[in-house]
Amino acid sequence: MRWACAATFVGAVSPTALRAQMGDMPGMAGMHHDAVALTAKARRQIDSVVKATLPLGAPGAAASAGFSPAFGWIPTMGEHWVARGLMTNGRQTDRATPSQLMFSKVGGKDSLVGAAYGYVTAVGDTVRPVLFDGAPMWHEHRDLAPEGLTLVMLHVWFVPSPDGPFAGTNPNLPFWAVGLGTLDSARMHRDPAFDSRVRRASLALGEVADSTSILSNLERRPEVGAAIRARRDSVRALIPQLLAAQKAKDSARWDALAEKAAKQWDGMYDAYIGSARTKDGHDRIERYVQMLLGHHGE
């Protein structure tokens, strides 16, 4: 996983303004988390987190509150700003004080799109705080913690997320980052082929939105870099066509273009995975990409 430091900070955007900035994909089913059932209590709890954290999206506010960038922009997770003191202070039990803020471009502007709770604990510790009604599942990042420990996390998205507000990843982010609209989450749930296509296309768009966002260390290898750059150029050429199909509400055309983008990602993945020099390296690449596609280990 890439570690980086942001050069500039981001601006706050209210949930209403975020929705106004997001164009709809052809066949868009609805707005916020329509494909995932939430109780009224859980919705109120999410709203309370939005209210508590939205002021931290103002320039300088998060930094003044003790947050700093720990990761660069990750295609389906955004850029994390972390309050390290909260992460090392045991289990997080205060819903109003998440240890991380997540930012990503929406409508051309860096925007607060979610928050996250995280803490380090012993491997095998299965007790998780219940911060929201329904006890949404936390996920783990053992590779980001010392030996014998694991980083336990729970995301909460303030914006539409096909897998619900507590998903580890959000494939909408790369689409928004390049100026495209919101994915049809209902169709993703009922059509496995469409789901696979748009998730892979999301990573292809992520490669264009930020060329250092996925596996930039591998791109430095000569046999990988040329192949990745050529495929990025192909994806970049698809973006205006996707936008035109979106505006025309031409679902068939949009699907065909998304499939082309997905195949470009398949080629990039083959280049990345093919460059692995050890089995451990191969497995790490595979796990990381699976995570980006939404398959977090629980």
Protein backbone atom coordinates (compact mmCIF):
# COMPACT_ATOMS: atom_id res chain seq x y z
CA MET A 1 0.00 0.00 0.00
CA ARG A 2 1.27 3.48 -0.86
CA TRP A 3 2.10 5.99 1.89
CA ALA A 4 2.19 9.66 0.92
CA CYS A 5 1.72 13.20 2.19
CA ALA A 6 -0.75 15.65 0.70
CA ALA A 7 0.65 18.99 -0.39
CA THR A 8 -2.60 20.87 0.08
CA PHE A 9 -5.74 20.46 2.11
CA VAL A 10 -9.33 20.11 1.01
CA GLY A 11 -12.57 22.01 1.20
CA ALA A 12 -15.76 21.02 2.93
CA VAL A 13 -18.84 20.18 0.87
CA SER A 14 -22.21 19.52 2.49
CA PRO A 15 -24.05 16.25 1.72
CA THR A 16 -26.67 18.21 -0.23
CA ALA A 17 -24.01 19.86 -2.35
CA LEU A 18 -22.27 16.53 -2.88
CA ARG A 19 -25.44 15.01 -4.27
CA ALA A 20 -25.97 18.00 -6.53
CA GLN A 21 -22.49 17.54 -7.99
CA MET A 22 -23.01 13.86 -8.82
CA GLY A 23 -24.52 13.17 -12.21
CA ASP A 24 -26.43 9.92 -12.58
CA MET A 25 -25.30 6.97 -14.66
CA PRO A 26 -27.85 5.57 -17.11
CA GLY A 27 -30.48 3.71 -15.12
CA MET A 28 -29.46 5.18 -11.77
CA ALA A 29 -31.85 3.69 -9.23
CA GLY A 30 -31.81 6.39 -6.58
CA MET A 31 -29.73 8.29 -4.11
CA HIS A 32 -28.12 7.36 -0.82
CA HIS A 33 -27.37 3.64 -0.25
CA ASP A 34 -30.64 2.50 -1.86
CA ALA A 35 -29.43 -1.06 -2.44
CA VAL A 36 -28.56 -1.63 1.23
CA ALA A 37 -31.19 -1.69 3.96
CA LEU A 38 -30.57 0.62 6.92
CA THR A 39 -32.68 1.13 10.00
CA ALA A 40 -33.97 4.61 10.75
CA LYS A 41 -31.75 4.62 13.83
CA ALA A 42 -28.65 3.82 11.78
CA ARG A 43 -29.49 6.65 9.36
CA ARG A 44 -29.80 9.08 12.23
CA GLN A 45 -26.49 7.88 13.63
CA ILE A 46 -24.76 8.40 10.28
CA ASP A 47 -26.28 11.88 10.06
CA SER A 48 -24.87 12.65 13.50
CA VAL A 49 -21.37 11.71 12.30
CA VAL A 50 -21.77 13.91 9.23
CA LYS A 51 -22.81 16.82 11.46
CA ALA A 52 -19.90 16.26 13.83
CA THR A 53 -17.19 15.93 11.16
CA LEU A 54 -18.31 18.26 8.37
CA PRO A 55 -16.59 21.30 9.97
CA LEU A 56 -13.30 19.38 9.70
CA GLY A 57 -13.52 19.61 5.92
CA ALA A 58 -12.82 23.34 6.02
CA PRO A 59 -9.28 24.38 5.00
CA GLY A 60 -6.90 23.78 7.87
CA ALA A 61 -9.59 22.55 10.25
CA ALA A 62 -8.60 18.88 10.20
CA ALA A 63 -4.92 19.72 10.62
CA SER A 64 -5.75 21.98 13.56
CA ALA A 65 -7.77 19.13 15.09
CA GLY A 66 -4.77 16.79 14.94
CA PHE A 67 -5.41 15.01 11.63
CA SER A 68 -2.66 14.52 9.06
CA PRO A 69 -2.44 12.65 5.73
CA ALA A 70 -1.20 9.09 6.16
CA PHE A 71 -2.10 7.60 2.78
CA GLY A 72 -2.21 9.10 -0.65
CA TRP A 73 -5.40 8.88 -2.67
CA ILE A 74 -6.48 5.23 -2.92
CA PRO A 75 -8.95 4.72 -5.82
CA THR A 76 -11.85 3.14 -3.95
CA MET A 77 -11.06 4.53 -0.49
CA GLY A 78 -10.08 8.15 -1.08
CA GLU A 79 -7.36 9.93 0.88
CA HIS A 80 -7.22 9.23 4.61
CA TRP A 81 -6.38 11.94 7.14
CA VAL A 82 -5.56 10.29 10.46
CA ALA A 83 -5.63 11.40 14.09
CA ARG A 84 -2.98 9.00 15.33
CA GLY A 85 -3.71 9.66 18.99
CA LEU A 86 -7.23 8.31 18.55
CA MET A 87 -5.95 5.21 16.77
CA THR A 88 -3.51 4.31 19.54
CA ASN A 89 -5.86 4.96 22.43
CA GLY A 90 -7.62 1.60 22.48
CA ARG A 91 -11.00 0.70 21.02
CA GLN A 92 -12.96 3.59 19.58
CA THR A 93 -16.31 3.89 21.31
CA ASP A 94 -17.24 7.51 20.60
CA ARG A 95 -19.19 7.71 17.35
CA ALA A 96 -18.72 11.48 17.15
CA THR A 97 -14.90 11.30 17.07
CA PRO A 98 -13.72 9.04 14.23
CA SER A 99 -9.97 8.61 13.99
CA GLN A 100 -9.86 9.17 10.24
CA LEU A 101 -11.44 11.44 7.62
CA MET A 102 -11.72 10.44 3.96
CA PHE A 103 -11.49 12.90 1.08
CA SER A 104 -11.87 12.50 -2.69
CA LYS A 105 -12.65 14.65 -5.72
CA VAL A 106 -16.35 15.21 -6.46
CA GLY A 107 -17.39 17.65 -9.16
CA GLY A 108 -13.77 18.73 -9.55
CA LYS A 109 -13.40 19.64 -5.87
CA ASP A 110 -11.65 17.78 -3.06
CA SER A 111 -14.49 16.85 -0.72
CA LEU A 112 -15.06 15.16 2.62
CA VAL A 113 -16.78 11.91 1.59
CA GLY A 114 -16.59 9.83 4.75
CA ALA A 115 -14.94 8.99 8.04
CA ALA A 116 -13.39 5.90 9.56
CA TYR A 117 -12.79 4.37 12.97
CA GLY A 118 -9.62 2.42 13.56
CA TYR A 119 -7.42 0.99 16.27
CA VAL A 120 -4.64 -1.56 16.64
CA THR A 121 -5.31 -4.73 18.60
CA ALA A 122 -4.00 -8.26 18.99
CA VAL A 123 -4.58 -10.77 16.21
CA GLY A 124 -7.37 -13.01 17.43
CA ASP A 125 -9.17 -10.26 19.33
CA THR A 126 -12.66 -10.54 17.86
CA VAL A 127 -14.50 -8.08 20.12
CA ARG A 128 -15.58 -5.02 18.15
CA PRO A 129 -17.29 -1.83 19.34
CA VAL A 130 -20.91 -1.42 18.24
CA LEU A 131 -21.03 2.16 17.01
CA PHE A 132 -24.08 1.89 14.76
CA ASP A 133 -27.40 0.11 14.87
CA GLY A 134 -27.16 -3.33 13.27
CA ALA A 135 -23.52 -3.80 14.38
CA PRO A 136 -21.88 -3.39 10.94
CA MET A 137 -18.80 -5.54 10.44
CA TRP A 138 -15.32 -4.10 10.86
CA HIS A 139 -12.47 -5.13 8.55
CA GLU A 140 -8.79 -5.74 9.20
CA HIS A 141 -5.44 -4.67 7.73
CA ARG A 142 -2.84 -6.98 9.26
CA ASP A 143 -0.18 -5.70 6.86
CA LEU A 144 -0.47 -2.21 8.40
CA ALA A 145 0.25 -3.34 11.96
CA PRO A 146 3.29 -4.84 13.72
CA GLU A 147 3.72 -8.59 13.93
CA GLY A 148 1.06 -10.18 16.11
CA LEU A 149 -1.22 -7.14 15.82
CA THR A 150 -3.87 -6.01 13.36
CA LEU A 151 -5.42 -2.69 12.37
CA VAL A 152 -9.20 -2.94 12.76
CA MET A 153 -11.33 -0.43 10.82
CA LEU A 154 -14.90 0.61 10.11
CA HIS A 155 -15.70 3.10 7.34
CA VAL A 156 -18.83 5.23 7.16
CA TRP A 157 -19.55 6.91 3.84
CA PHE A 158 -21.37 10.23 3.66
CA VAL A 159 -21.99 9.75 -0.08
CA PRO A 160 -23.66 7.03 -2.18
CA SER A 161 -21.85 3.72 -1.79
CA PRO A 162 -22.99 0.61 -3.74
CA ASP A 163 -22.10 -1.71 -0.85
CA GLY A 164 -23.68 0.47 1.80
CA PRO A 165 -22.41 3.18 4.13
CA PHE A 166 -20.17 0.84 6.13
CA ALA A 167 -18.35 -0.80 3.21
CA GLY A 168 -14.57 -0.88 3.20
CA THR A 169 -14.43 0.54 -0.32
CA ASN A 170 -16.52 2.73 -2.62
CA PRO A 171 -16.15 2.18 -6.40
CA ASN A 172 -17.93 5.47 -7.11
CA LEU A 173 -14.87 7.50 -6.13
CA PRO A 174 -12.78 7.03 -9.32
CA PHE A 175 -15.84 7.73 -11.50
CA TRP A 176 -16.43 11.01 -9.66
CA ALA A 177 -12.71 11.84 -9.73
CA VAL A 178 -12.72 11.93 -13.55
CA GLY A 179 -16.04 13.78 -13.80
CA LEU A 180 -18.42 10.87 -14.37
CA GLY A 181 -21.63 10.12 -12.49
CA THR A 182 -22.82 7.78 -9.76
CA LEU A 183 -22.99 4.03 -10.37
CA ASP A 184 -26.33 2.18 -10.46
CA SER A 185 -25.98 0.33 -7.16
CA ALA A 186 -29.25 -1.58 -7.57
CA ARG A 187 -28.07 -3.01 -10.87
CA MET A 188 -24.72 -3.90 -9.33
CA HIS A 189 -26.57 -6.01 -6.76
CA ARG A 190 -28.76 -7.84 -9.25
CA ASP A 191 -26.32 -8.21 -12.20
CA PRO A 192 -22.99 -9.89 -11.32
CA ALA A 193 -21.52 -9.21 -14.77
CA PHE A 194 -22.27 -5.49 -14.49
CA ASP A 195 -20.91 -5.45 -10.94
CA SER A 196 -17.61 -6.99 -12.02
CA ARG A 197 -17.38 -4.70 -15.05
CA VAL A 198 -17.83 -1.42 -13.18
CA ARG A 199 -15.55 -2.39 -10.29
CA ARG A 200 -12.73 -3.21 -12.71
CA ALA A 201 -13.48 -0.07 -14.74
CA SER A 202 -13.29 1.87 -11.47
CA LEU A 203 -9.68 0.78 -10.98
CA ALA A 204 -8.86 1.64 -14.60
CA LEU A 205 -10.24 5.15 -14.04
CA GLY A 206 -8.30 5.33 -10.78
CA GLU A 207 -5.09 4.79 -12.75
CA VAL A 208 -5.96 7.87 -14.82
CA ALA A 209 -7.20 10.03 -11.95
CA ASP A 210 -3.93 9.52 -10.06
CA SER A 211 -1.16 7.56 -11.74
CA THR A 212 0.55 6.93 -8.39
CA SER A 213 -2.54 5.55 -6.69
CA ILE A 214 -2.29 1.78 -7.02
CA LEU A 215 1.09 0.09 -7.52
CA SER A 216 3.44 2.89 -8.50
CA ASN A 217 6.45 1.05 -7.09
CA LEU A 218 5.96 -1.71 -9.66
CA GLU A 219 5.48 0.78 -12.47
CA ARG A 220 9.12 1.80 -12.07
CA ARG A 221 10.11 -1.54 -13.54
CA PRO A 222 10.74 -0.98 -17.28
CA GLU A 223 8.72 -3.99 -18.39
CA VAL A 224 5.71 -2.73 -16.42
CA GLY A 225 5.80 1.03 -16.92
CA ALA A 226 5.42 1.08 -20.69
CA ALA A 227 2.48 -1.32 -20.64
CA ILE A 228 0.68 0.58 -17.88
CA ARG A 229 1.15 3.98 -19.51
CA ALA A 230 -0.21 2.75 -22.84
CA ARG A 231 -3.29 1.34 -21.18
CA ARG A 232 -3.84 4.54 -19.21
CA ASP A 233 -3.83 6.44 -22.50
CA SER A 234 -6.53 4.09 -23.79
CA VAL A 235 -8.65 4.59 -20.67
CA ARG A 236 -8.19 8.36 -20.84
CA ALA A 237 -9.60 8.34 -24.35
CA LEU A 238 -12.71 6.50 -23.13
CA ILE A 239 -13.68 9.12 -20.53
CA PRO A 240 -15.27 11.70 -22.88
CA GLN A 241 -17.12 8.88 -24.62
CA LEU A 242 -18.44 7.59 -21.30
CA LEU A 243 -19.54 11.11 -20.40
CA ALA A 244 -21.35 11.50 -23.73
CA ALA A 245 -23.13 8.15 -23.26
CA GLN A 246 -24.06 9.16 -19.72
CA LYS A 247 -25.52 12.47 -20.86
CA ALA A 248 -27.44 10.74 -23.65
CA LYS A 249 -28.68 8.08 -21.19
CA ASP A 250 -27.44 5.47 -23.65
CA SER A 251 -27.04 2.45 -21.37
CA ALA A 252 -25.90 0.06 -24.08
CA ARG A 253 -23.17 2.41 -25.26
CA TRP A 254 -22.09 3.17 -21.68
CA ASP A 255 -21.90 -0.55 -20.87
CA ALA A 256 -19.76 -1.24 -23.94
CA LEU A 257 -17.34 1.55 -23.02
CA ALA A 258 -17.20 0.43 -19.39
CA GLU A 259 -16.32 -3.05 -20.61
CA LYS A 260 -13.45 -1.59 -22.62
CA ALA A 261 -12.19 0.22 -19.53
CA ALA A 262 -12.51 -2.97 -17.48
CA LYS A 263 -10.44 -4.89 -20.02
CA GLN A 264 -7.76 -2.22 -19.87
CA TRP A 265 -7.63 -2.76 -16.11
CA ASP A 266 -7.34 -6.52 -16.69
CA GLY A 267 -4.29 -5.84 -18.83
CA MET A 268 -2.79 -3.55 -16.18
CA TYR A 269 -3.38 -6.17 -13.52
CA ASP A 270 -1.67 -8.81 -15.66
CA ALA A 271 1.34 -6.51 -16.02
CA TYR A 272 1.48 -5.86 -12.28
CA ILE A 273 1.00 -9.45 -11.17
CA GLY A 274 3.32 -10.75 -13.88
CA SER A 275 6.14 -8.61 -12.53
CA ALA A 276 6.09 -10.28 -9.09
CA ARG A 277 9.45 -11.86 -8.37
CA THR A 278 8.40 -13.98 -5.39
CA LYS A 279 5.31 -15.86 -4.32
CA ASP A 280 4.93 -13.49 -1.38
CA GLY A 281 5.07 -10.52 -3.73
CA HIS A 282 2.50 -12.14 -6.00
CA ASP A 283 0.18 -12.79 -3.07
CA ARG A 284 0.53 -9.23 -1.72
CA ILE A 285 -0.41 -7.73 -5.09
CA GLU A 286 -3.37 -10.08 -5.37
CA ARG A 287 -4.62 -9.27 -1.84
CA TYR A 288 -4.27 -5.53 -2.37
CA VAL A 289 -6.17 -5.55 -5.65
CA GLN A 290 -8.88 -7.75 -4.19
CA MET A 291 -9.24 -5.23 -1.36
CA LEU A 292 -9.58 -2.37 -3.86
CA LEU A 293 -12.30 -4.36 -5.62
CA GLY A 294 -14.25 -4.58 -2.38
CA HIS A 295 -13.17 -7.91 -0.97
CA HIS A 296 -11.96 -6.98 2.50
CA GLY A 297 -11.03 -9.79 4.86
CA GLU A 298 -13.36 -9.83 7.86
